[in-house]
Amino acid sequence: MTEEQVRRLVVTLRDVAQALSKADPKLKARLYEELGVEVSYDPHRHVIGLSAGPCVTERVGGGT
């Protein structure tokens, strides 16, 4: 990617983050689930864990 492409991507992500901060929590939960995002919190250690897996929406099936 060029420097300008990265710059535009960062600006776009900033807009997305701002929209997500105002979104309905149930809709955000569904989006995060579809994206494979998992968040955990350890209240004893005050640690937040975040992981994201591959987002697979379709699979190839059937025999060959």
N, C-alpha and C. Protein backbone atom coordinates (compact mmCIF):
# COMPACT_ATOMS: atom_id res chain seq x y z
N MET A 1 0.85 -1.19 0.00
CA MET A 1 0.00 0.00 0.00
C MET A 1 0.88 1.24 0.00
N THR A 2 0.38 2.26 -0.64
CA THR A 2 1.12 3.52 -0.64
C THR A 2 0.83 4.28 0.66
N GLU A 3 1.64 5.27 0.93
CA GLU A 3 1.44 6.09 2.13
C GLU A 3 0.06 6.75 2.11
N GLU A 4 -0.36 7.22 0.96
CA GLU A 4 -1.67 7.87 0.86
C GLU A 4 -2.81 6.88 1.10
N GLN A 5 -2.68 5.66 0.61
CA GLN A 5 -3.70 4.64 0.84
C GLN A 5 -3.81 4.31 2.33
N VAL A 6 -2.68 4.21 3.00
CA VAL A 6 -2.69 3.93 4.44
C VAL A 6 -3.35 5.08 5.18
N ARG A 7 -3.01 6.30 4.79
CA ARG A 7 -3.59 7.49 5.43
C ARG A 7 -5.13 7.50 5.28
N ARG A 8 -5.62 7.20 4.09
CA ARG A 8 -7.08 7.16 3.87
C ARG A 8 -7.73 6.05 4.68
N LEU A 9 -7.06 4.91 4.78
CA LEU A 9 -7.59 3.79 5.56
C LEU A 9 -7.71 4.17 7.03
N VAL A 10 -6.70 4.82 7.56
CA VAL A 10 -6.72 5.23 8.96
C VAL A 10 -7.86 6.21 9.22
N VAL A 11 -8.07 7.16 8.33
CA VAL A 11 -9.17 8.12 8.48
C VAL A 11 -10.51 7.40 8.44
N THR A 12 -10.65 6.44 7.53
CA THR A 12 -11.89 5.66 7.44
C THR A 12 -12.12 4.86 8.71
N LEU A 13 -11.07 4.24 9.23
CA LEU A 13 -11.21 3.46 10.46
C LEU A 13 -11.57 4.35 11.64
N ARG A 14 -11.07 5.56 11.67
CA ARG A 14 -11.43 6.49 12.73
C ARG A 14 -12.93 6.77 12.69
N ASP A 15 -13.47 6.96 11.49
CA ASP A 15 -14.91 7.19 11.33
C ASP A 15 -15.71 5.96 11.78
N VAL A 16 -15.23 4.78 11.43
CA VAL A 16 -15.90 3.54 11.83
C VAL A 16 -15.88 3.39 13.35
N ALA A 17 -14.74 3.66 13.96
CA ALA A 17 -14.63 3.56 15.42
C ALA A 17 -15.58 4.53 16.10
N GLN A 18 -15.71 5.73 15.56
CA GLN A 18 -16.62 6.71 16.14
C GLN A 18 -18.07 6.24 16.01
N ALA A 19 -18.42 5.68 14.87
CA ALA A 19 -19.78 5.17 14.68
C ALA A 19 -20.06 4.00 15.61
N LEU A 20 -19.08 3.11 15.77
CA LEU A 20 -19.27 1.96 16.66
C LEU A 20 -19.43 2.38 18.11
N SER A 21 -18.78 3.45 18.50
CA SER A 21 -18.89 3.91 19.89
C SER A 21 -20.31 4.36 20.23
N LYS A 22 -21.08 4.73 19.20
CA LYS A 22 -22.45 5.20 19.41
C LYS A 22 -23.49 4.15 19.04
N ALA A 23 -23.06 3.00 18.55
CA ALA A 23 -23.99 1.98 18.06
C ALA A 23 -24.67 1.24 19.21
N ASP A 24 -25.81 0.66 18.89
CA ASP A 24 -26.56 -0.16 19.84
C ASP A 24 -25.70 -1.35 20.27
N PRO A 25 -25.58 -1.60 21.58
CA PRO A 25 -24.73 -2.70 22.06
C PRO A 25 -25.09 -4.07 21.48
N LYS A 26 -26.36 -4.33 21.25
CA LYS A 26 -26.75 -5.63 20.68
C LYS A 26 -26.27 -5.76 19.24
N LEU A 27 -26.33 -4.67 18.49
CA LEU A 27 -25.85 -4.71 17.11
C LEU A 27 -24.33 -4.86 17.07
N LYS A 28 -23.64 -4.17 17.99
CA LYS A 28 -22.18 -4.32 18.06
C LYS A 28 -21.80 -5.75 18.42
N ALA A 29 -22.51 -6.35 19.35
CA ALA A 29 -22.20 -7.72 19.76
C ALA A 29 -22.35 -8.66 18.56
N ARG A 30 -23.40 -8.47 17.78
CA ARG A 30 -23.61 -9.32 16.60
C ARG A 30 -22.50 -9.11 15.57
N LEU A 31 -22.11 -7.86 15.36
CA LEU A 31 -21.03 -7.55 14.41
C LEU A 31 -19.73 -8.19 14.86
N TYR A 32 -19.39 -8.04 16.15
CA TYR A 32 -18.15 -8.61 16.67
C TYR A 32 -18.16 -10.12 16.55
N GLU A 33 -19.31 -10.73 16.79
CA GLU A 33 -19.42 -12.18 16.67
C GLU A 33 -19.18 -12.61 15.23
N GLU A 34 -19.77 -11.89 14.28
CA GLU A 34 -19.60 -12.23 12.87
C GLU A 34 -18.15 -12.04 12.42
N LEU A 35 -17.45 -11.09 13.04
CA LEU A 35 -16.05 -10.84 12.70
C LEU A 35 -15.08 -11.75 13.44
N GLY A 36 -15.60 -12.54 14.39
CA GLY A 36 -14.75 -13.43 15.15
C GLY A 36 -13.97 -12.73 16.25
N VAL A 37 -14.48 -11.59 16.72
CA VAL A 37 -13.81 -10.83 17.78
C VAL A 37 -14.28 -11.33 19.13
N GLU A 38 -13.32 -11.61 20.02
CA GLU A 38 -13.64 -12.04 21.38
C GLU A 38 -12.91 -11.14 22.37
N VAL A 39 -13.63 -10.69 23.39
CA VAL A 39 -13.06 -9.84 24.41
C VAL A 39 -13.28 -10.51 25.76
N SER A 40 -12.26 -10.48 26.59
CA SER A 40 -12.38 -11.03 27.94
C SER A 40 -11.83 -10.01 28.93
N TYR A 41 -12.28 -10.12 30.18
CA TYR A 41 -11.81 -9.21 31.22
C TYR A 41 -11.54 -9.99 32.49
N ASP A 42 -10.35 -9.81 33.05
CA ASP A 42 -9.97 -10.43 34.32
C ASP A 42 -10.03 -9.33 35.38
N PRO A 43 -11.12 -9.30 36.18
CA PRO A 43 -11.28 -8.21 37.15
C PRO A 43 -10.24 -8.23 38.27
N HIS A 44 -9.66 -9.39 38.54
CA HIS A 44 -8.67 -9.47 39.60
C HIS A 44 -7.34 -8.82 39.20
N ARG A 45 -7.00 -9.00 37.94
CA ARG A 45 -5.74 -8.43 37.42
C ARG A 45 -5.97 -7.14 36.66
N HIS A 46 -7.24 -6.78 36.44
CA HIS A 46 -7.60 -5.58 35.66
C HIS A 46 -6.99 -5.65 34.25
N VAL A 47 -7.16 -6.80 33.62
CA VAL A 47 -6.59 -7.04 32.30
C VAL A 47 -7.71 -7.35 31.31
N ILE A 48 -7.61 -6.72 30.16
CA ILE A 48 -8.56 -6.97 29.07
C ILE A 48 -7.82 -7.76 27.99
N GLY A 49 -8.45 -8.82 27.50
CA GLY A 49 -7.88 -9.60 26.42
C GLY A 49 -8.75 -9.45 25.17
N LEU A 50 -8.13 -9.36 24.02
CA LEU A 50 -8.85 -9.20 22.77
C LEU A 50 -8.23 -10.13 21.74
N SER A 51 -9.08 -10.87 21.04
CA SER A 51 -8.58 -11.72 19.96
C SER A 51 -9.56 -11.64 18.80
N ALA A 52 -9.04 -11.86 17.62
CA ALA A 52 -9.87 -11.86 16.42
C ALA A 52 -9.43 -13.02 15.55
N GLY A 53 -10.39 -13.78 15.09
CA GLY A 53 -10.09 -14.92 14.24
C GLY A 53 -10.52 -14.63 12.81
N PRO A 54 -10.30 -15.58 11.96
CA PRO A 54 -10.72 -15.40 10.56
C PRO A 54 -12.23 -15.29 10.45
N CYS A 55 -12.65 -14.46 9.56
CA CYS A 55 -14.08 -14.26 9.33
C CYS A 55 -14.48 -15.09 8.12
N VAL A 56 -15.22 -16.16 8.35
CA VAL A 56 -15.62 -17.06 7.26
C VAL A 56 -17.13 -17.01 7.15
N THR A 57 -17.62 -16.56 6.00
CA THR A 57 -19.06 -16.46 5.82
C THR A 57 -19.60 -17.55 4.88
N GLU A 58 -18.73 -18.12 4.04
CA GLU A 58 -19.17 -19.17 3.11
C GLU A 58 -18.13 -20.28 3.11
N ARG A 59 -18.60 -21.47 2.86
CA ARG A 59 -17.69 -22.61 2.79
C ARG A 59 -17.94 -23.38 1.51
N VAL A 60 -16.90 -23.99 1.04
CA VAL A 60 -17.04 -24.84 -0.13
C VAL A 60 -17.44 -26.21 0.38
N GLY A 61 -18.48 -26.76 -0.18
CA GLY A 61 -18.95 -28.06 0.30
C GLY A 61 -19.16 -29.03 -0.85
N GLY A 62 -19.56 -30.21 -0.48
CA GLY A 62 -19.83 -31.21 -1.50
C GLY A 62 -18.61 -32.01 -1.89
N GLY A 63 -18.85 -33.08 -2.55
CA GLY A 63 -17.76 -33.96 -3.00
C GLY A 63 -17.15 -33.49 -4.30
N THR A 64 -16.03 -34.07 -4.61
CA THR A 64 -15.36 -33.71 -5.86
C THR A 64 -15.49 -34.82 -6.86
